[in-house]
């Protein structure tokens, strides 16, 4: 979750789609194990909706993954 947050805020060096997909996959895997999938997905949706260029990139990359 922290990785996605920092990426959405514009941190990171040469972030590529695979970085975002990996962060999302690991976050959702942990959320499943903790029984927190809906809450985590909602947090990710809020991060991706921030409107910054980095957040838009995250939203574009995740696209259908966030359903």
N, C-alpha and C. Protein backbone atom coordinates (compact mmCIF):
# COMPACT_ATOMS: atom_id res chain seq x y z
N UNK A 1 0.83 -1.18 0.00
CA UNK A 1 0.00 0.00 0.00
C UNK A 1 0.88 1.25 0.00
N UNK A 2 1.93 1.20 0.77
CA UNK A 2 2.83 2.36 0.84
C UNK A 2 3.47 2.64 -0.51
N UNK A 3 3.85 1.59 -1.23
CA UNK A 3 4.47 1.78 -2.54
C UNK A 3 3.50 2.48 -3.49
N UNK A 4 2.25 2.05 -3.50
CA UNK A 4 1.26 2.70 -4.37
C UNK A 4 1.03 4.15 -3.98
N UNK A 5 1.02 4.40 -2.68
CA UNK A 5 0.83 5.78 -2.21
C UNK A 5 1.96 6.68 -2.69
N UNK A 6 3.19 6.23 -2.53
CA UNK A 6 4.33 7.06 -2.93
C UNK A 6 4.39 7.22 -4.44
N UNK A 7 4.05 6.19 -5.17
CA UNK A 7 4.03 6.31 -6.63
C UNK A 7 2.98 7.35 -7.04
N UNK A 8 1.79 7.29 -6.44
CA UNK A 8 0.74 8.26 -6.75
C UNK A 8 1.15 9.68 -6.41
N UNK A 9 2.01 9.83 -5.43
CA UNK A 9 2.48 11.16 -5.04
C UNK A 9 3.67 11.63 -5.87
N UNK A 10 4.13 10.80 -6.80
CA UNK A 10 5.18 11.22 -7.72
C UNK A 10 6.58 10.79 -7.35
N UNK A 11 6.71 9.98 -6.31
CA UNK A 11 8.04 9.52 -5.92
C UNK A 11 8.40 8.27 -6.69
N UNK A 12 9.67 8.05 -6.84
CA UNK A 12 10.17 6.88 -7.54
C UNK A 12 10.97 7.32 -8.76
N UNK A 13 11.85 6.47 -9.18
CA UNK A 13 12.74 6.78 -10.27
C UNK A 13 12.42 5.88 -11.45
N UNK A 14 11.98 6.47 -12.53
CA UNK A 14 11.62 5.73 -13.74
C UNK A 14 10.64 4.60 -13.46
N UNK A 15 9.53 4.93 -12.87
CA UNK A 15 8.48 3.96 -12.57
C UNK A 15 7.89 3.46 -13.89
N UNK A 16 7.75 2.15 -13.99
CA UNK A 16 7.13 1.55 -15.17
C UNK A 16 5.86 0.82 -14.74
N UNK A 17 5.09 0.43 -15.72
CA UNK A 17 3.82 -0.26 -15.45
C UNK A 17 4.00 -1.48 -14.57
N UNK A 18 5.04 -2.22 -14.80
CA UNK A 18 5.28 -3.44 -14.02
C UNK A 18 5.47 -3.13 -12.54
N UNK A 19 6.09 -2.02 -12.22
CA UNK A 19 6.26 -1.61 -10.82
C UNK A 19 4.90 -1.41 -10.16
N UNK A 20 4.01 -0.76 -10.86
CA UNK A 20 2.67 -0.50 -10.33
C UNK A 20 1.89 -1.80 -10.19
N UNK A 21 1.94 -2.64 -11.21
CA UNK A 21 1.22 -3.91 -11.16
C UNK A 21 1.73 -4.80 -10.03
N UNK A 22 3.04 -4.84 -9.84
CA UNK A 22 3.60 -5.63 -8.73
C UNK A 22 3.14 -5.10 -7.38
N UNK A 23 3.21 -3.78 -7.21
CA UNK A 23 2.78 -3.18 -5.94
C UNK A 23 1.31 -3.48 -5.69
N UNK A 24 0.50 -3.39 -6.72
CA UNK A 24 -0.93 -3.68 -6.58
C UNK A 24 -1.15 -5.15 -6.23
N UNK A 25 -0.47 -6.03 -6.93
CA UNK A 25 -0.64 -7.47 -6.70
C UNK A 25 -0.27 -7.84 -5.27
N UNK A 26 0.87 -7.36 -4.80
CA UNK A 26 1.30 -7.68 -3.44
C UNK A 26 0.38 -7.06 -2.38
N UNK A 27 -0.09 -5.86 -2.66
CA UNK A 27 -1.01 -5.20 -1.74
C UNK A 27 -2.31 -5.98 -1.63
N UNK A 28 -2.85 -6.39 -2.77
CA UNK A 28 -4.12 -7.11 -2.75
C UNK A 28 -3.96 -8.51 -2.17
N UNK A 29 -2.82 -9.12 -2.37
CA UNK A 29 -2.56 -10.43 -1.77
C UNK A 29 -2.55 -10.31 -0.24
N UNK A 30 -1.89 -9.29 0.27
CA UNK A 30 -1.86 -9.07 1.72
C UNK A 30 -3.27 -8.74 2.24
N UNK A 31 -4.02 -7.95 1.46
CA UNK A 31 -5.37 -7.59 1.87
C UNK A 31 -6.27 -8.82 1.94
N UNK A 32 -6.13 -9.71 0.97
CA UNK A 32 -6.89 -10.96 0.98
C UNK A 32 -6.58 -11.77 2.24
N UNK A 33 -5.29 -11.89 2.55
CA UNK A 33 -4.87 -12.66 3.72
C UNK A 33 -5.37 -12.05 5.02
N UNK A 34 -5.53 -10.73 5.02
CA UNK A 34 -6.01 -10.05 6.23
C UNK A 34 -7.53 -9.89 6.25
N UNK A 35 -8.18 -10.33 5.18
CA UNK A 35 -9.63 -10.18 5.11
C UNK A 35 -10.07 -8.74 4.91
N UNK A 36 -9.24 -7.94 4.25
CA UNK A 36 -9.50 -6.50 4.08
C UNK A 36 -9.55 -6.07 2.62
N UNK A 37 -9.92 -6.97 1.74
CA UNK A 37 -9.93 -6.65 0.30
C UNK A 37 -10.78 -5.43 -0.04
N UNK A 38 -12.04 -5.34 0.37
CA UNK A 38 -12.85 -4.18 -0.03
C UNK A 38 -12.29 -2.84 0.46
N UNK A 39 -11.83 -2.83 1.70
CA UNK A 39 -11.28 -1.59 2.25
C UNK A 39 -10.01 -1.17 1.52
N UNK A 40 -9.18 -2.14 1.21
CA UNK A 40 -7.92 -1.85 0.52
C UNK A 40 -8.18 -1.36 -0.89
N UNK A 41 -9.09 -2.00 -1.58
CA UNK A 41 -9.44 -1.57 -2.93
C UNK A 41 -9.96 -0.14 -2.91
N UNK A 42 -10.78 0.19 -1.93
CA UNK A 42 -11.30 1.56 -1.81
C UNK A 42 -10.16 2.56 -1.59
N UNK A 43 -9.21 2.22 -0.76
CA UNK A 43 -8.05 3.11 -0.52
C UNK A 43 -7.25 3.32 -1.80
N UNK A 44 -7.06 2.25 -2.57
CA UNK A 44 -6.31 2.37 -3.82
C UNK A 44 -7.08 3.23 -4.82
N UNK A 45 -8.38 3.05 -4.89
CA UNK A 45 -9.20 3.88 -5.79
C UNK A 45 -9.09 5.35 -5.43
N UNK A 46 -9.10 5.66 -4.14
CA UNK A 46 -8.95 7.06 -3.70
C UNK A 46 -7.58 7.61 -4.08
N UNK A 47 -6.53 6.80 -3.90
CA UNK A 47 -5.19 7.25 -4.27
C UNK A 47 -5.12 7.55 -5.77
N UNK A 48 -5.66 6.64 -6.57
CA UNK A 48 -5.59 6.78 -8.02
C UNK A 48 -6.45 7.92 -8.54
N UNK A 49 -7.40 8.37 -7.75
CA UNK A 49 -8.28 9.47 -8.16
C UNK A 49 -7.75 10.83 -7.73
N UNK A 50 -6.54 10.89 -7.23
CA UNK A 50 -5.99 12.14 -6.69
C UNK A 50 -5.84 13.24 -7.73
N UNK A 51 -5.74 12.88 -9.00
CA UNK A 51 -5.66 13.88 -10.05
C UNK A 51 -4.26 14.30 -10.44
N UNK A 52 -3.26 13.86 -9.72
CA UNK A 52 -1.88 14.18 -10.10
C UNK A 52 -1.49 13.35 -11.32
N UNK A 53 -0.49 13.78 -12.08
CA UNK A 53 -0.07 12.99 -13.23
C UNK A 53 0.33 11.55 -12.84
N UNK A 54 1.00 11.42 -11.72
CA UNK A 54 1.41 10.08 -11.27
C UNK A 54 0.21 9.23 -10.90
N UNK A 55 -0.77 9.82 -10.24
CA UNK A 55 -1.98 9.08 -9.86
C UNK A 55 -2.76 8.67 -11.11
N UNK A 56 -2.80 9.54 -12.11
CA UNK A 56 -3.47 9.18 -13.37
C UNK A 56 -2.76 8.02 -14.06
N UNK A 57 -1.43 8.02 -13.98
CA UNK A 57 -0.66 6.91 -14.56
C UNK A 57 -1.01 5.62 -13.84
N UNK A 58 -1.08 5.65 -12.52
CA UNK A 58 -1.47 4.47 -11.74
C UNK A 58 -2.86 4.02 -12.15
N UNK A 59 -3.80 4.93 -12.24
CA UNK A 59 -5.17 4.59 -12.63
C UNK A 59 -5.20 3.97 -14.02
N UNK A 60 -4.44 4.53 -14.95
CA UNK A 60 -4.39 3.99 -16.31
C UNK A 60 -3.82 2.58 -16.33
N UNK A 61 -2.74 2.38 -15.59
CA UNK A 61 -2.09 1.07 -15.57
C UNK A 61 -2.99 0.01 -14.93
N UNK A 62 -3.62 0.37 -13.83
CA UNK A 62 -4.43 -0.61 -13.13
C UNK A 62 -5.77 -0.86 -13.83
N UNK A 63 -6.33 0.17 -14.43
CA UNK A 63 -7.53 0.04 -15.23
C UNK A 63 -8.51 -1.02 -14.72
N UNK A 64 -8.62 -2.11 -15.42
CA UNK A 64 -9.56 -3.17 -15.09
C UNK A 64 -9.14 -4.01 -13.89
N UNK A 65 -7.91 -3.86 -13.44
CA UNK A 65 -7.45 -4.63 -12.27
C UNK A 65 -8.24 -4.24 -11.02
N UNK A 66 -8.70 -3.01 -10.96
CA UNK A 66 -9.33 -2.49 -9.76
C UNK A 66 -10.84 -2.75 -9.74
N UNK A 67 -11.24 -3.91 -10.15
CA UNK A 67 -12.66 -4.26 -10.11
C UNK A 67 -12.89 -5.47 -9.26
